[in-house]
PDB file of N, CA and C in Angstrom:
ATOM      1  N   MET A   1      47.708 -24.052 310.306  1.00  0.00           N
ATOM      2  CA  MET A   1      46.966 -24.154 309.242  1.00  0.00           C
ATOM      3  C   MET A   1      46.908 -22.824 309.087  1.00  0.00           C
ATOM      4  N   ALA A   2      47.010 -22.219 307.252  1.00  0.00           N
ATOM      5  CA  ALA A   2      47.333 -21.511 307.158  1.00  0.00           C
ATOM      6  C   ALA A   2      45.530 -20.885 307.174  1.00  0.00           C
ATOM      7  N   ARG A   3      45.670 -18.877 307.374  1.00  0.00           N
ATOM      8  CA  ARG A   3      44.395 -18.529 306.935  1.00  0.00           C
ATOM      9  C   ARG A   3      44.043 -17.959 305.478  1.00  0.00           C
ATOM     10  N   GLN A   4      42.254 -18.139 305.296  1.00  0.00           N
ATOM     11  CA  GLN A   4      42.396 -17.775 304.519  1.00  0.00           C
ATOM     12  C   GLN A   4      40.815 -17.280 304.272  1.00  0.00           C
ATOM     13  N   THR A   5      41.260 -16.308 303.636  1.00  0.00           N
ATOM     14  CA  THR A   5      40.424 -15.104 303.574  1.00  0.00           C
ATOM     15  C   THR A   5      39.552 -15.388 301.945  1.00  0.00           C
ATOM     16  N   THR A   6      38.623 -15.110 302.214  1.00  0.00           N
ATOM     17  CA  THR A   6      37.381 -15.824 300.390  1.00  0.00           C
ATOM     18  C   THR A   6      37.038 -14.095 300.068  1.00  0.00           C
ATOM     19  N   PHE A   7      37.010 -13.558 298.800  1.00  0.00           N
ATOM     20  CA  PHE A   7      37.034 -12.426 297.680  1.00  0.00           C
ATOM     21  C   PHE A   7      35.360 -12.486 297.304  1.00  0.00           C
ATOM     22  N   HIS A   8      34.792 -12.287 297.112  1.00  0.00           N
ATOM     23  CA  HIS A   8      33.616 -11.764 296.690  1.00  0.00           C
ATOM     24  C   HIS A   8      33.363 -11.178 295.102  1.00  0.00           C
ATOM     25  N   ARG A   9      33.454 -11.358 294.322  1.00  0.00           N
ATOM     26  CA  ARG A   9      33.301 -10.700 293.178  1.00  0.00           C
ATOM     27  C   ARG A   9      32.020  -9.262 292.991  1.00  0.00           C
ATOM     28  N   ALA A  10      31.689  -9.602 293.801  1.00  0.00           N
ATOM     29  CA  ALA A  10      30.366  -8.753 293.725  1.00  0.00           C
ATOM     30  C   ALA A  10      30.906  -7.637 294.459  1.00  0.00           C
ATOM     31  N   LEU A  11      32.068  -7.787 295.857  1.00  0.00           N
ATOM     32  CA  LEU A  11      32.431  -6.952 295.932  1.00  0.00           C
ATOM     33  C   LEU A  11      33.569  -5.823 295.883  1.00  0.00           C
ATOM     34  N   ILE A  12      34.136  -6.654 294.703  1.00  0.00           N
ATOM     35  CA  ILE A  12      35.560  -6.146 294.318  1.00  0.00           C
ATOM     36  C   ILE A  12      34.835  -5.238 292.687  1.00  0.00           C
ATOM     37  N   GLU A  13      33.722  -6.031 292.228  1.00  0.00           N
ATOM     38  CA  GLU A  13      33.597  -5.380 291.025  1.00  0.00           C
ATOM     39  C   GLU A  13      33.078  -4.011 291.252  1.00  0.00           C
ATOM     40  N   PRO A  14      32.888  -3.137 290.145  1.00  0.00           N
ATOM     41  CA  PRO A  14      31.709  -2.290 290.156  1.00  0.00           C
ATOM     42  C   PRO A  14      30.372  -2.675 289.490  1.00  0.00           C
ATOM     43  N   ASN A  15      30.122  -1.251 289.872  1.00  0.00           N
ATOM     44  CA  ASN A  15      28.122  -1.993 289.531  1.00  0.00           C
ATOM     45  C   ASN A  15      28.141  -1.498 288.066  1.00  0.00           C
ATOM     46  N   LEU A  16      27.742  -1.585 287.127  1.00  0.00           N
ATOM     47  CA  LEU A  16      27.598  -1.722 286.198  1.00  0.00           C
ATOM     48  C   LEU A  16      26.351  -2.320 285.587  1.00  0.00           C
ATOM     49  N   VAL A  17      25.645  -1.254 285.036  1.00  0.00           N
ATOM     50  CA  VAL A  17      24.322  -1.671 284.494  1.00  0.00           C
ATOM     51  C   VAL A  17      24.264  -0.889 282.930  1.00  0.00           C
ATOM     52  N   PHE A  18      24.002  -2.063 282.185  1.00  0.00           N
ATOM     53  CA  PHE A  18      23.977  -1.640 280.642  1.00  0.00           C
ATOM     54  C   PHE A  18      25.537  -1.316 280.052  1.00  0.00           C
ATOM     55  N   GLY A  19      26.261  -2.313 280.697  1.00  0.00           N
ATOM     56  CA  GLY A  19      27.653  -1.389 280.770  1.00  0.00           C
ATOM     57  C   GLY A  19      28.222  -0.408 280.828  1.00  0.00           C
ATOM     58  N   ILE A  20      27.400   0.439 281.492  1.00  0.00           N
ATOM     59  CA  ILE A  20      28.242   1.672 282.250  1.00  0.00           C
ATOM     60  C   ILE A  20      27.878   1.771 283.825  1.00  0.00           C
ATOM     61  N   ASP A  21      28.332   2.670 284.454  1.00  0.00           N
ATOM     62  CA  ASP A  21      28.240   2.737 285.924  1.00  0.00           C
ATOM     63  C   ASP A  21      26.840   2.873 286.231  1.00  0.00           C
ATOM     64  N   ARG A  22      26.772   2.587 287.483  1.00  0.00           N
ATOM     65  CA  ARG A  22      25.025   2.518 287.662  1.00  0.00           C
ATOM     66  C   ARG A  22      24.707   4.418 287.711  1.00  0.00           C
ATOM     67  N   LEU A  23      25.316   4.938 288.721  1.00  0.00           N
ATOM     68  CA  LEU A  23      25.614   6.770 288.522  1.00  0.00           C
ATOM     69  C   LEU A  23      25.502   7.163 287.007  1.00  0.00           C
ATOM     70  N   ALA A  24      26.370   6.939 286.842  1.00  0.00           N
ATOM     71  CA  ALA A  24      26.452   7.136 284.950  1.00  0.00           C
ATOM     72  C   ALA A  24      24.959   7.254 284.854  1.00  0.00           C
ATOM     73  N   PHE A  25      24.689   6.116 284.281  1.00  0.00           N
ATOM     74  CA  PHE A  25      23.272   5.310 283.426  1.00  0.00           C
ATOM     75  C   PHE A  25      22.202   6.205 284.301  1.00  0.00           C
ATOM     76  N   VAL A  26      21.863   6.510 285.695  1.00  0.00           N
ATOM     77  CA  VAL A  26      20.559   7.082 286.082  1.00  0.00           C
ATOM     78  C   VAL A  26      20.971   8.467 285.803  1.00  0.00           C
ATOM     79  N   LEU A  27      22.052   9.111 285.927  1.00  0.00           N
ATOM     80  CA  LEU A  27      21.869  10.543 285.311  1.00  0.00           C
ATOM     81  C   LEU A  27      21.793  10.802 284.204  1.00  0.00           C
ATOM     82  N   LEU A  28      22.174   9.434 282.966  1.00  0.00           N
ATOM     83  CA  LEU A  28      22.047   9.477 281.936  1.00  0.00           C
ATOM     84  C   LEU A  28      20.476   9.548 281.244  1.00  0.00           C
ATOM     85  N   LEU A  29      19.631   8.726 282.212  1.00  0.00           N
ATOM     86  CA  LEU A  29      17.918   8.571 282.486  1.00  0.00           C
ATOM     87  C   LEU A  29      17.365   9.412 282.202  1.00  0.00           C
ATOM     88  N   ILE A  30      17.655  10.395 283.763  1.00  0.00           N
ATOM     89  CA  ILE A  30      16.941  11.318 284.386  1.00  0.00           C
ATOM     90  C   ILE A  30      17.321  12.466 283.176  1.00  0.00           C
ATOM     91  N   GLY A  31      18.729  12.773 282.648  1.00  0.00           N
ATOM     92  CA  GLY A  31      18.585  13.705 281.840  1.00  0.00           C
ATOM     93  C   GLY A  31      17.720  13.425 280.517  1.00  0.00           C
ATOM     94  N   SER A  32      18.155  12.113 279.656  1.00  0.00           N
ATOM     95  CA  SER A  32      17.330  11.671 278.804  1.00  0.00           C
ATOM     96  C   SER A  32      16.491  12.549 278.686  1.00  0.00           C
ATOM     97  N   ILE A  33      14.987  11.831 279.888  1.00  0.00           N
ATOM     98  CA  ILE A  33      14.071  12.372 280.055  1.00  0.00           C
ATOM     99  C   ILE A  33      13.645  13.400 280.165  1.00  0.00           C
ATOM    100  N   ALA A  34      14.622  14.744 280.913  1.00  0.00           N
ATOM    101  CA  ALA A  34      14.126  15.766 281.263  1.00  0.00           C
ATOM    102  C   ALA A  34      14.104  16.822 280.014  1.00  0.00           C
ATOM    103  N   LEU A  35      15.181  16.188 279.149  1.00  0.00           N
ATOM    104  CA  LEU A  35      14.967  16.543 277.625  1.00  0.00           C
ATOM    105  C   LEU A  35      13.807  16.676 277.004  1.00  0.00           C
ATOM    106  N   ILE A  36      13.218  15.354 276.854  1.00  0.00           N
ATOM    107  CA  ILE A  36      12.408  14.728 275.925  1.00  0.00           C
ATOM    108  C   ILE A  36      10.763  15.560 276.669  1.00  0.00           C
ATOM    109  N   MET A  37      11.000  15.658 277.849  1.00  0.00           N
ATOM    110  CA  MET A  37       9.801  16.662 278.568  1.00  0.00           C
ATOM    111  C   MET A  37       9.895  18.150 278.319  1.00  0.00           C
ATOM    112  N   VAL A  38      10.886  18.599 278.549  1.00  0.00           N
ATOM    113  CA  VAL A  38      11.122  19.904 278.265  1.00  0.00           C
ATOM    114  C   VAL A  38      10.557  20.502 276.900  1.00  0.00           C
ATOM    115  N   LEU A  39      12.044  19.309 275.894  1.00  0.00           N
ATOM    116  CA  LEU A  39      11.781  20.000 274.308  1.00  0.00           C
ATOM    117  C   LEU A  39      10.928  19.729 273.441  1.00  0.00           C
ATOM    118  N   LYS A  40      10.432  18.512 274.007  1.00  0.00           N
ATOM    119  CA  LYS A  40       9.195  18.017 273.368  1.00  0.00           C
ATOM    120  C   LYS A  40       9.624  17.401 272.036  1.00  0.00           C
ATOM    121  N   GLN A  41      10.626  16.822 271.646  1.00  0.00           N
ATOM    122  CA  GLN A  41      11.460  16.452 270.534  1.00  0.00           C
ATOM    123  C   GLN A  41      11.903  15.218 270.419  1.00  0.00           C
ATOM    124  N   TRP A  42      11.882  14.569 269.589  1.00  0.00           N
ATOM    125  CA  TRP A  42      12.244  12.781 270.103  1.00  0.00           C
ATOM    126  C   TRP A  42      13.380  12.791 269.579  1.00  0.00           C
ATOM    127  N   TRP A  43      13.836  13.901 269.024  1.00  0.00           N
ATOM    128  CA  TRP A  43      15.384  13.915 268.227  1.00  0.00           C
ATOM    129  C   TRP A  43      16.547  13.591 269.154  1.00  0.00           C
ATOM    130  N   THR A  44      16.084  13.728 270.408  1.00  0.00           N
ATOM    131  CA  THR A  44      16.697  14.140 271.373  1.00  0.00           C
ATOM    132  C   THR A  44      17.174  12.369 272.270  1.00  0.00           C
ATOM    133  N   LEU A  45      16.454  11.856 271.470  1.00  0.00           N
ATOM    134  CA  LEU A  45      16.431  10.227 272.398  1.00  0.00           C
ATOM    135  C   LEU A  45      17.874   9.691 271.214  1.00  0.00           C
ATOM    136  N   VAL A  46      18.156  10.343 270.371  1.00  0.00           N
ATOM    137  CA  VAL A  46      19.147   9.852 269.645  1.00  0.00           C
ATOM    138  C   VAL A  46      20.600  10.544 270.118  1.00  0.00           C
ATOM    139  N   ILE A  47      20.203  11.848 270.389  1.00  0.00           N
ATOM    140  CA  ILE A  47      21.298  12.286 271.088  1.00  0.00           C
ATOM    141  C   ILE A  47      21.793  11.446 272.760  1.00  0.00           C
ATOM    142  N   SER A  48      20.663  10.874 273.391  1.00  0.00           N
ATOM    143  CA  SER A  48      20.703  10.127 274.616  1.00  0.00           C
ATOM    144  C   SER A  48      21.428   8.776 273.992  1.00  0.00           C
ATOM    145  N   ALA A  49      20.886   8.203 272.611  1.00  0.00           N
ATOM    146  CA  ALA A  49      22.024   6.978 272.631  1.00  0.00           C
ATOM    147  C   ALA A  49      23.214   7.302 272.351  1.00  0.00           C
ATOM    148  N   LEU A  50      23.752   8.248 271.547  1.00  0.00           N
ATOM    149  CA  LEU A  50      24.962   8.671 271.215  1.00  0.00           C
ATOM    150  C   LEU A  50      25.820   9.015 272.235  1.00  0.00           C
ATOM    151  N   LEU A  51      25.242   9.429 273.548  1.00  0.00           N
ATOM    152  CA  LEU A  51      25.819   9.760 274.978  1.00  0.00           C
ATOM    153  C   LEU A  51      26.212   8.468 275.397  1.00  0.00           C
ATOM    154  N   TYR A  52      24.969   7.209 275.398  1.00  0.00           N
ATOM    155  CA  TYR A  52      25.048   6.345 275.769  1.00  0.00           C
ATOM    156  C   TYR A  52      26.742   5.371 275.243  1.00  0.00           C
ATOM    157  N   VAL A  53      26.557   5.303 273.657  1.00  0.00           N
ATOM    158  CA  VAL A  53      27.611   4.513 273.231  1.00  0.00           C
ATOM    159  C   VAL A  53      29.019   5.027 273.201  1.00  0.00           C
ATOM    160  N   ALA A  54      28.906   6.012 273.718  1.00  0.00           N
ATOM    161  CA  ALA A  54      30.355   7.093 274.284  1.00  0.00           C
ATOM    162  C   ALA A  54      30.772   6.466 275.538  1.00  0.00           C
ATOM    163  N   LEU A  55      29.752   6.693 276.210  1.00  0.00           N
ATOM    164  CA  LEU A  55      30.035   5.967 277.578  1.00  0.00           C
ATOM    165  C   LEU A  55      30.276   4.218 277.593  1.00  0.00           C
ATOM    166  N   ARG A  56      30.117   3.622 277.035  1.00  0.00           N
ATOM    167  CA  ARG A  56      30.249   2.338 277.129  1.00  0.00           C
ATOM    168  C   ARG A  56      31.409   2.219 276.508  1.00  0.00           C
ATOM    169  N   PHE A  57      32.079   2.646 275.553  1.00  0.00           N
ATOM    170  CA  PHE A  57      33.196   2.757 275.334  1.00  0.00           C
ATOM    171  C   PHE A  57      34.183   3.246 276.359  1.00  0.00           C
ATOM    172  N   VAL A  58      33.878   4.397 276.870  1.00  0.00           N
ATOM    173  CA  VAL A  58      35.008   4.201 277.813  1.00  0.00           C
ATOM    174  C   VAL A  58      34.471   3.701 279.512  1.00  0.00           C
ATOM    175  N   PHE A  59      33.658   3.133 279.541  1.00  0.00           N
ATOM    176  CA  PHE A  59      33.703   1.383 280.960  1.00  0.00           C
ATOM    177  C   PHE A  59      34.089   0.832 280.454  1.00  0.00           C
ATOM    178  N   ARG A  60      33.932   0.389 279.190  1.00  0.00           N
ATOM    179  CA  ARG A  60      34.539  -1.147 278.321  1.00  0.00           C
ATOM    180  C   ARG A  60      36.259  -0.781 278.399  1.00  0.00           C
ATOM    181  N   ALA A  61      37.113   0.259 277.973  1.00  0.00           N
ATOM    182  CA  ALA A  61      38.227   0.572 278.626  1.00  0.00           C
ATOM    183  C   ALA A  61      38.250   0.748 279.810  1.00  0.00           C
ATOM    184  N   ASP A  62      38.126   0.884 281.101  1.00  0.00           N
ATOM    185  CA  ASP A  62      38.085   1.520 282.271  1.00  0.00           C
ATOM    186  C   ASP A  62      37.077   1.196 283.212  1.00  0.00           C
ATOM    187  N   PRO A  63      36.368   0.217 283.695  1.00  0.00           N
ATOM    188  CA  PRO A  63      35.180  -0.070 284.449  1.00  0.00           C
ATOM    189  C   PRO A  63      35.075   1.180 285.818  1.00  0.00           C
ATOM    190  N   LEU A  64      36.111   1.161 286.071  1.00  0.00           N
ATOM    191  CA  LEU A  64      36.467   2.353 287.434  1.00  0.00           C
ATOM    192  C   LEU A  64      36.650   3.828 287.277  1.00  0.00           C
ATOM    193  N   PHE A  65      36.060   4.439 285.401  1.00  0.00           N
ATOM    194  CA  PHE A  65      36.400   5.424 285.801  1.00  0.00           C
ATOM    195  C   PHE A  65      35.759   6.593 286.735  1.00  0.00           C
ATOM    196  N   MET A  66      34.470   6.112 286.684  1.00  0.00           N
ATOM    197  CA  MET A  66      33.693   7.040 288.004  1.00  0.00           C
ATOM    198  C   MET A  66      34.586   7.644 289.155  1.00  0.00           C
ATOM    199  N   ARG A  67      34.718   6.546 289.788  1.00  0.00           N
ATOM    200  CA  ARG A  67      36.053   6.398 290.802  1.00  0.00           C
ATOM    201  C   ARG A  67      36.791   7.479 290.926  1.00  0.00           C
ATOM    202  N   VAL A  68      38.054   7.048 289.705  1.00  0.00           N
ATOM    203  CA  VAL A  68      38.934   7.625 289.552  1.00  0.00           C
ATOM    204  C   VAL A  68      38.599   9.287 288.806  1.00  0.00           C
ATOM    205  N   TYR A  69      37.537   9.292 288.249  1.00  0.00           N
ATOM    206  CA  TYR A  69      37.689  10.709 287.892  1.00  0.00           C
ATOM    207  C   TYR A  69      36.997  11.510 289.007  1.00  0.00           C
ATOM    208  N   ALA A  70      36.186  11.000 290.356  1.00  0.00           N
ATOM    209  CA  ALA A  70      35.707  11.301 290.905  1.00  0.00           C
ATOM    210  C   ALA A  70      36.977  11.922 292.309  1.00  0.00           C
ATOM    211  N   GLN A  71      38.129  10.917 292.383  1.00  0.00           N
ATOM    212  CA  GLN A  71      38.941  11.764 293.343  1.00  0.00           C
ATOM    213  C   GLN A  71      39.764  12.393 292.768  1.00  0.00           C
ATOM    214  N   TYR A  72      39.523  12.686 291.489  1.00  0.00           N
ATOM    215  CA  TYR A  72      40.888  13.692 290.689  1.00  0.00           C
ATOM    216  C   TYR A  72      40.041  14.804 290.820  1.00  0.00           C
ATOM    217  N   SER A  73      38.935  15.093 290.685  1.00  0.00           N
ATOM    218  CA  SER A  73      38.035  16.259 290.937  1.00  0.00           C
ATOM    219  C   SER A  73      37.937  16.601 292.085  1.00  0.00           C
ATOM    220  N   ALA A  74      38.117  15.689 292.933  1.00  0.00           N
ATOM    221  CA  ALA A  74      37.986  15.943 294.345  1.00  0.00           C
ATOM    222  C   ALA A  74      39.287  16.651 294.624  1.00  0.00           C
ATOM    223  N   GLU A  75      40.561  16.509 294.581  1.00  0.00           N
ATOM    224  CA  GLU A  75      41.690  16.607 295.240  1.00  0.00           C
ATOM    225  C   GLU A  75      42.445  17.498 293.704  1.00  0.00           C
ATOM    226  N   ALA A  76      41.423  18.223 292.991  1.00  0.00           N
ATOM    227  CA  ALA A  76      42.031  19.288 292.114  1.00  0.00           C
ATOM    228  C   ALA A  76      42.414  20.299 292.661  1.00  0.00           C
ATOM    229  N   ASP A  77      41.935  20.607 293.280  1.00  0.00           N
ATOM    230  CA  ASP A  77      41.601  22.210 293.563  1.00  0.00           C
ATOM    231  C   ASP A  77      43.137  22.331 294.653  1.00  0.00           C
ATOM    232  N   ARG A  78      43.447  20.781 295.447  1.00  0.00           N
ATOM    233  CA  ARG A  78      44.799  20.569 296.419  1.00  0.00           C
ATOM    234  C   ARG A  78      46.016  20.535 295.555  1.00  0.00           C
ATOM    235  N   TYR A  79      46.213  20.315 294.267  1.00  0.00           N
ATOM    236  CA  TYR A  79      47.524  20.088 294.414  1.00  0.00           C
ATOM    237  C   TYR A  79      47.629  21.020 292.067  1.00  0.00           C
ATOM    238  N   GLU A  80      48.957  20.774 291.738  1.00  0.00           N
ATOM    239  CA  GLU A  80      48.668  21.492 290.351  1.00  0.00           C
ATOM    240  C   GLU A  80      49.582  20.326 289.794  1.00  0.00           C
ATOM    241  N   PRO A  81      48.417  19.298 288.381  1.00  0.00           N
ATOM    242  CA  PRO A  81      48.913  18.565 288.195  1.00  0.00           C
ATOM    243  C   PRO A  81      50.427  18.735 286.887  1.00  0.00           C
ATOM    244  N   PHE A  82      50.846  19.641 286.878  1.00  0.00           N
ATOM    245  CA  PHE A  82      51.728  20.461 286.478  1.00  0.00           C
ATOM    246  C   PHE A  82      53.030  19.757 287.225  1.00  0.00           C
ATOM    247  N   VAL A  83      54.425  19.165 285.912  1.00  0.00           N
ATOM    248  CA  VAL A  83      55.441  19.916 286.742  1.00  0.00           C
ATOM    249  C   VAL A  83      56.106  20.839 286.760  1.00  0.00           C
ATOM    250  N   ARG A  84      56.588  21.052 288.191  1.00  0.00           N
ATOM    251  CA  ARG A  84      57.628  21.942 288.580  1.00  0.00           C
ATOM    252  C   ARG A  84      58.823  21.555 288.625  1.00  0.00           C
ATOM    253  N   ALA A  85      60.321  22.836 288.425  1.00  0.00           N
ATOM    254  CA  ALA A  85      61.165  22.556 288.924  1.00  0.00           C
ATOM    255  C   ALA A  85      61.688  22.077 290.703  1.00  0.00           C
ATOM    256  N   LEU A  86      60.783  22.481 291.301  1.00  0.00           N
ATOM    257  CA  LEU A  86      60.849  22.498 292.754  1.00  0.00           C
ATOM    258  C   LEU A  86      60.685  20.499 293.176  1.00  0.00           C
ATOM    259  N   PRO A  87      62.191  20.259 293.884  1.00  0.00           N
ATOM    260  CA  PRO A  87      61.616  18.956 294.381  1.00  0.00           C
ATOM    261  C   PRO A  87      60.441  18.731 295.452  1.00  0.00           C
ATOM    262  N   GLY A  88      60.085  17.621 294.985  1.00  0.00           N
ATOM    263  CA  GLY A  88      58.672  17.346 296.328  1.00  0.00           C
ATOM    264  C   GLY A  88      57.803  16.556 295.369  1.00  0.00           C
ATOM    265  N   ARG A  89      56.817  16.402 296.103  1.00  0.00           N
ATOM    266  CA  ARG A  89      55.536  16.101 295.063  1.00  0.00           C
ATOM    267  C   ARG A  89      54.451  16.785 294.081  1.00  0.00           C
ATOM    268  N   GLY A  90      55.116  17.759 293.957  1.00  0.00           N
ATOM    269  CA  GLY A  90      54.389  18.917 293.184  1.00  0.00           C
ATOM    270  C   GLY A  90      53.029  19.088 294.078  1.00  0.00           C
ATOM    271  N   GLY A  91      52.815  19.339 295.370  1.00  0.00           N
ATOM    272  CA  GLY A  91      51.792  19.410 296.664  1.00  0.00           C
ATOM    273  C   GLY A  91      51.044  18.276 296.510  1.00  0.00           C
ATOM    274  N   ARG A  92      51.001  17.358 296.179  1.00  0.00           N
ATOM    275  CA  ARG A  92      50.444  16.377 296.478  1.00  0.00           C
ATOM    276  C   ARG A  92      50.444  15.802 297.499  1.00  0.00           C
ATOM    277  N   ARG A  93      49.319  15.291 298.139  1.00  0.00           N
ATOM    278  CA  ARG A  93      50.184  14.296 299.888  1.00  0.00           C
ATOM    279  C   ARG A  93      49.975  12.935 299.485  1.00  0.00           C
ATOM    280  N   ALA A  94      50.967  12.174 300.239  1.00  0.00           N
ATOM    281  CA  ALA A  94      51.226  11.063 300.211  1.00  0.00           C
ATOM    282  C   ALA A  94      50.080   9.901 299.834  1.00  0.00           C
ATOM    283  N   GLY A  95      50.456   9.080 299.001  1.00  0.00           N
ATOM    284  CA  GLY A  95      49.456   7.784 298.552  1.00  0.00           C
ATOM    285  C   GLY A  95      48.238   8.533 297.898  1.00  0.00           C
ATOM    286  N   ARG A  96      48.915  10.137 297.402  1.00  0.00           N
ATOM    287  CA  ARG A  96      47.988  10.759 296.249  1.00  0.00           C
ATOM    288  C   ARG A  96      48.130  11.218 294.662  1.00  0.00           C
ATOM    289  N   GLY A  97      49.036   9.749 294.156  1.00  0.00           N
ATOM    290  CA  GLY A  97      49.527   9.850 293.289  1.00  0.00           C
ATOM    291  C   GLY A  97      48.460   9.409 291.763  1.00  0.00           C
ATOM    292  N   LYS A  98      49.385   9.688 291.050  1.00  0.00           N
ATOM    293  CA  LYS A  98      48.521   9.418 289.450  1.00  0.00           C
ATOM    294  C   LYS A  98      47.933   7.561 289.196  1.00  0.00           C
ATOM    295  N   GLY A  99      46.611   7.503 289.538  1.00  0.00           N
ATOM    296  CA  GLY A  99      46.110   6.180 288.941  1.00  0.00           C
ATOM    297  C   GLY A  99      46.021   5.627 290.262  1.00  0.00           C
ATOM    298  N   THR A 100      46.372   6.289 291.458  1.00  0.00           N
ATOM    299  CA  THR A 100      45.889   5.657 293.029  1.00  0.00           C
ATOM    300  C   THR A 100      44.714   5.532 292.852  1.00  0.00           C
ATOM    301  N   LEU A 101      43.588   4.623 293.683  1.00  0.00           N
ATOM    302  CA  LEU A 101      42.907   5.318 294.134  1.00  0.00           C
ATOM    303  C   LEU A 101      42.672   5.349 295.462  1.00  0.00           C
ATOM    304  N   CYS A 102      43.257   5.312 296.450  1.00  0.00           N
ATOM    305  CA  CYS A 102      43.323   5.161 298.153  1.00  0.00           C
ATOM    306  C   CYS A 102      44.018   6.160 298.315  1.00  0.00           C
TER     307      CYS A 102
END
């Protein structure tokens, strides 16, 4: 008898709220509310709406954008992303290549 493991989609797919990542949505919401309260101008809603639409396009192309960006920014001080003439991985650790999430 073969062993079967079920995968629950809720554990694999990213948490999206209104089409963007939950953290990005919360930051956008807090930032837009803060701008409205500080500047007391309603045109900041237009800027927030445009930023929301831009984030929707980004997350429609890559739903894991926040994870990949967080990993790249965490690894930024450990390697140079430029090509070197020297052999090797350019200072990257094993398993930390372009496009990997592990």
